[in-house]
């Protein structure tokens, strides 16, 4: 491919506001999606195919609500229940110690309040 020639310089008859618009903008780098706690319509939080395969496997969902998958690096995963095609929240991946620590902290705060 041949490179594009530079744009012609703006003429002096144009107002200053249109001259600024003729200046090419700098290239913005793309930010790749990483595992976060937000959910998307497809139930996929990251581009990791192994995590999506583990999330889709029914054997990793105990009693249809407890998620346990060591192959999935995410601690928070979207729920499988859907409302109007969208995920209804997030649940913990109980294969990670961080999820058990979080549940212990929540139970301690609840017990402290009683």
Protein backbone atom coordinates (compact mmCIF):
# COMPACT_ATOMS: atom_id res chain seq x y z
CA UNK A 1 0.00 0.00 0.00
CA UNK A 2 1.15 3.48 -0.84
CA UNK A 3 1.17 6.11 1.92
CA UNK A 4 -1.37 8.89 1.74
CA UNK A 5 -0.12 12.36 0.87
CA UNK A 6 -0.42 14.92 3.67
CA UNK A 7 -3.55 17.08 3.61
CA UNK A 8 -3.21 20.45 1.91
CA UNK A 9 -2.59 23.39 4.22
CA UNK A 10 -5.71 25.37 5.07
CA UNK A 11 -6.27 28.49 3.05
CA UNK A 12 -6.27 31.88 4.72
CA UNK A 13 -9.88 32.48 3.63
CA UNK A 14 -11.23 29.89 6.10
CA UNK A 15 -12.21 31.00 9.61
CA UNK A 16 -9.90 29.86 12.46
CA UNK A 17 -12.43 27.35 13.83
CA UNK A 18 -12.47 25.32 10.61
CA UNK A 19 -8.66 25.45 10.41
CA UNK A 20 -8.43 23.69 13.78
CA UNK A 21 -10.80 20.98 12.55
CA UNK A 22 -8.50 20.24 9.59
CA UNK A 23 -5.65 19.19 11.89
CA UNK A 24 -5.56 15.36 12.12
CA UNK A 25 -6.16 13.93 15.58
CA UNK A 26 -3.62 11.77 17.35
CA UNK A 27 -4.20 8.02 17.28
CA UNK A 28 -5.94 6.78 20.41
CA UNK A 29 -4.77 3.33 21.59
CA UNK A 30 -7.42 0.68 22.01
CA UNK A 31 -8.03 -0.44 25.58
CA UNK A 32 -8.52 -4.18 25.77
CA UNK A 33 -11.31 -5.49 28.00
CA UNK A 34 -10.13 -7.18 31.16
CA UNK A 35 -11.95 -9.20 33.79
CA UNK A 36 -14.08 -6.83 35.82
CA UNK A 37 -17.17 -7.01 37.85
CA UNK A 38 -19.39 -5.47 35.20
CA UNK A 39 -21.40 -7.77 33.02
CA UNK A 40 -22.32 -7.61 29.38
CA UNK A 41 -25.30 -8.86 27.42
CA UNK A 42 -23.48 -12.03 26.37
CA UNK A 43 -22.51 -12.97 29.92
CA UNK A 44 -18.86 -12.64 28.98
CA UNK A 45 -16.69 -10.37 31.08
CA UNK A 46 -13.41 -10.90 29.33
CA UNK A 47 -12.11 -12.27 26.08
CA UNK A 48 -10.76 -15.38 27.79
CA UNK A 49 -12.34 -18.35 26.01
CA UNK A 50 -11.39 -20.82 28.77
CA UNK A 51 -13.22 -18.69 31.35
CA UNK A 52 -16.29 -18.50 29.13
CA UNK A 53 -16.20 -22.25 28.55
CA UNK A 54 -15.98 -22.87 32.31
CA UNK A 55 -18.83 -20.42 32.94
CA UNK A 56 -20.99 -22.13 30.32
CA UNK A 57 -20.39 -25.63 31.70
CA UNK A 58 -23.33 -26.72 33.88
CA UNK A 59 -21.05 -28.97 35.96
CA UNK A 60 -19.46 -25.84 37.47
CA UNK A 61 -22.82 -24.56 38.77
CA UNK A 62 -23.94 -26.33 41.95
CA UNK A 63 -27.67 -26.12 42.72
CA UNK A 64 -27.89 -23.72 39.74
CA UNK A 65 -26.53 -20.81 41.82
CA UNK A 66 -23.12 -21.63 43.34
CA UNK A 67 -20.27 -21.29 40.84
CA UNK A 68 -17.08 -23.28 41.43
CA UNK A 69 -14.49 -23.36 38.61
CA UNK A 70 -10.75 -23.40 39.23
CA UNK A 71 -10.00 -22.83 35.55
CA UNK A 72 -11.80 -19.46 35.66
CA UNK A 73 -9.49 -16.73 37.05
CA UNK A 74 -12.37 -14.36 37.85
CA UNK A 75 -13.61 -14.01 41.42
CA UNK A 76 -16.85 -12.23 40.43
CA UNK A 77 -18.77 -13.75 37.51
CA UNK A 78 -22.16 -12.86 35.98
CA UNK A 79 -25.14 -14.90 37.08
CA UNK A 80 -26.74 -17.29 34.63
CA UNK A 81 -30.26 -16.05 35.30
CA UNK A 82 -31.39 -13.54 32.73
CA UNK A 83 -34.05 -10.87 32.72
CA UNK A 84 -34.97 -9.49 29.29
CA UNK A 85 -31.73 -10.89 27.84
CA UNK A 86 -29.47 -9.16 30.38
CA UNK A 87 -27.54 -10.62 33.30
CA UNK A 88 -29.26 -10.00 36.63
CA UNK A 89 -26.11 -9.49 38.68
CA UNK A 90 -22.92 -11.22 39.74
CA UNK A 91 -21.96 -14.12 41.96
CA UNK A 92 -18.72 -15.34 43.48
CA UNK A 93 -16.48 -18.07 42.10
CA UNK A 94 -16.08 -20.21 45.22
CA UNK A 95 -12.97 -21.91 43.81
CA UNK A 96 -10.94 -18.87 44.94
CA UNK A 97 -9.96 -18.06 48.53
CA UNK A 98 -10.86 -14.40 47.95
CA UNK A 99 -14.53 -15.33 47.65
CA UNK A 100 -14.45 -17.29 50.92
CA UNK A 101 -12.67 -14.38 52.65
CA UNK A 102 -15.35 -12.00 51.36
CA UNK A 103 -18.17 -14.26 52.60
CA UNK A 104 -16.46 -14.60 56.00
CA UNK A 105 -16.13 -10.82 56.26
CA UNK A 106 -19.82 -10.34 55.39
CA UNK A 107 -20.84 -12.95 58.01
CA UNK A 108 -18.61 -11.27 60.62
CA UNK A 109 -20.13 -7.84 59.95
CA UNK A 110 -23.64 -9.32 60.18
CA UNK A 111 -22.80 -11.14 63.44
CA UNK A 112 -21.20 -7.98 64.88
CA UNK A 113 -24.42 -6.07 64.22
CA UNK A 114 -26.60 -8.55 66.13
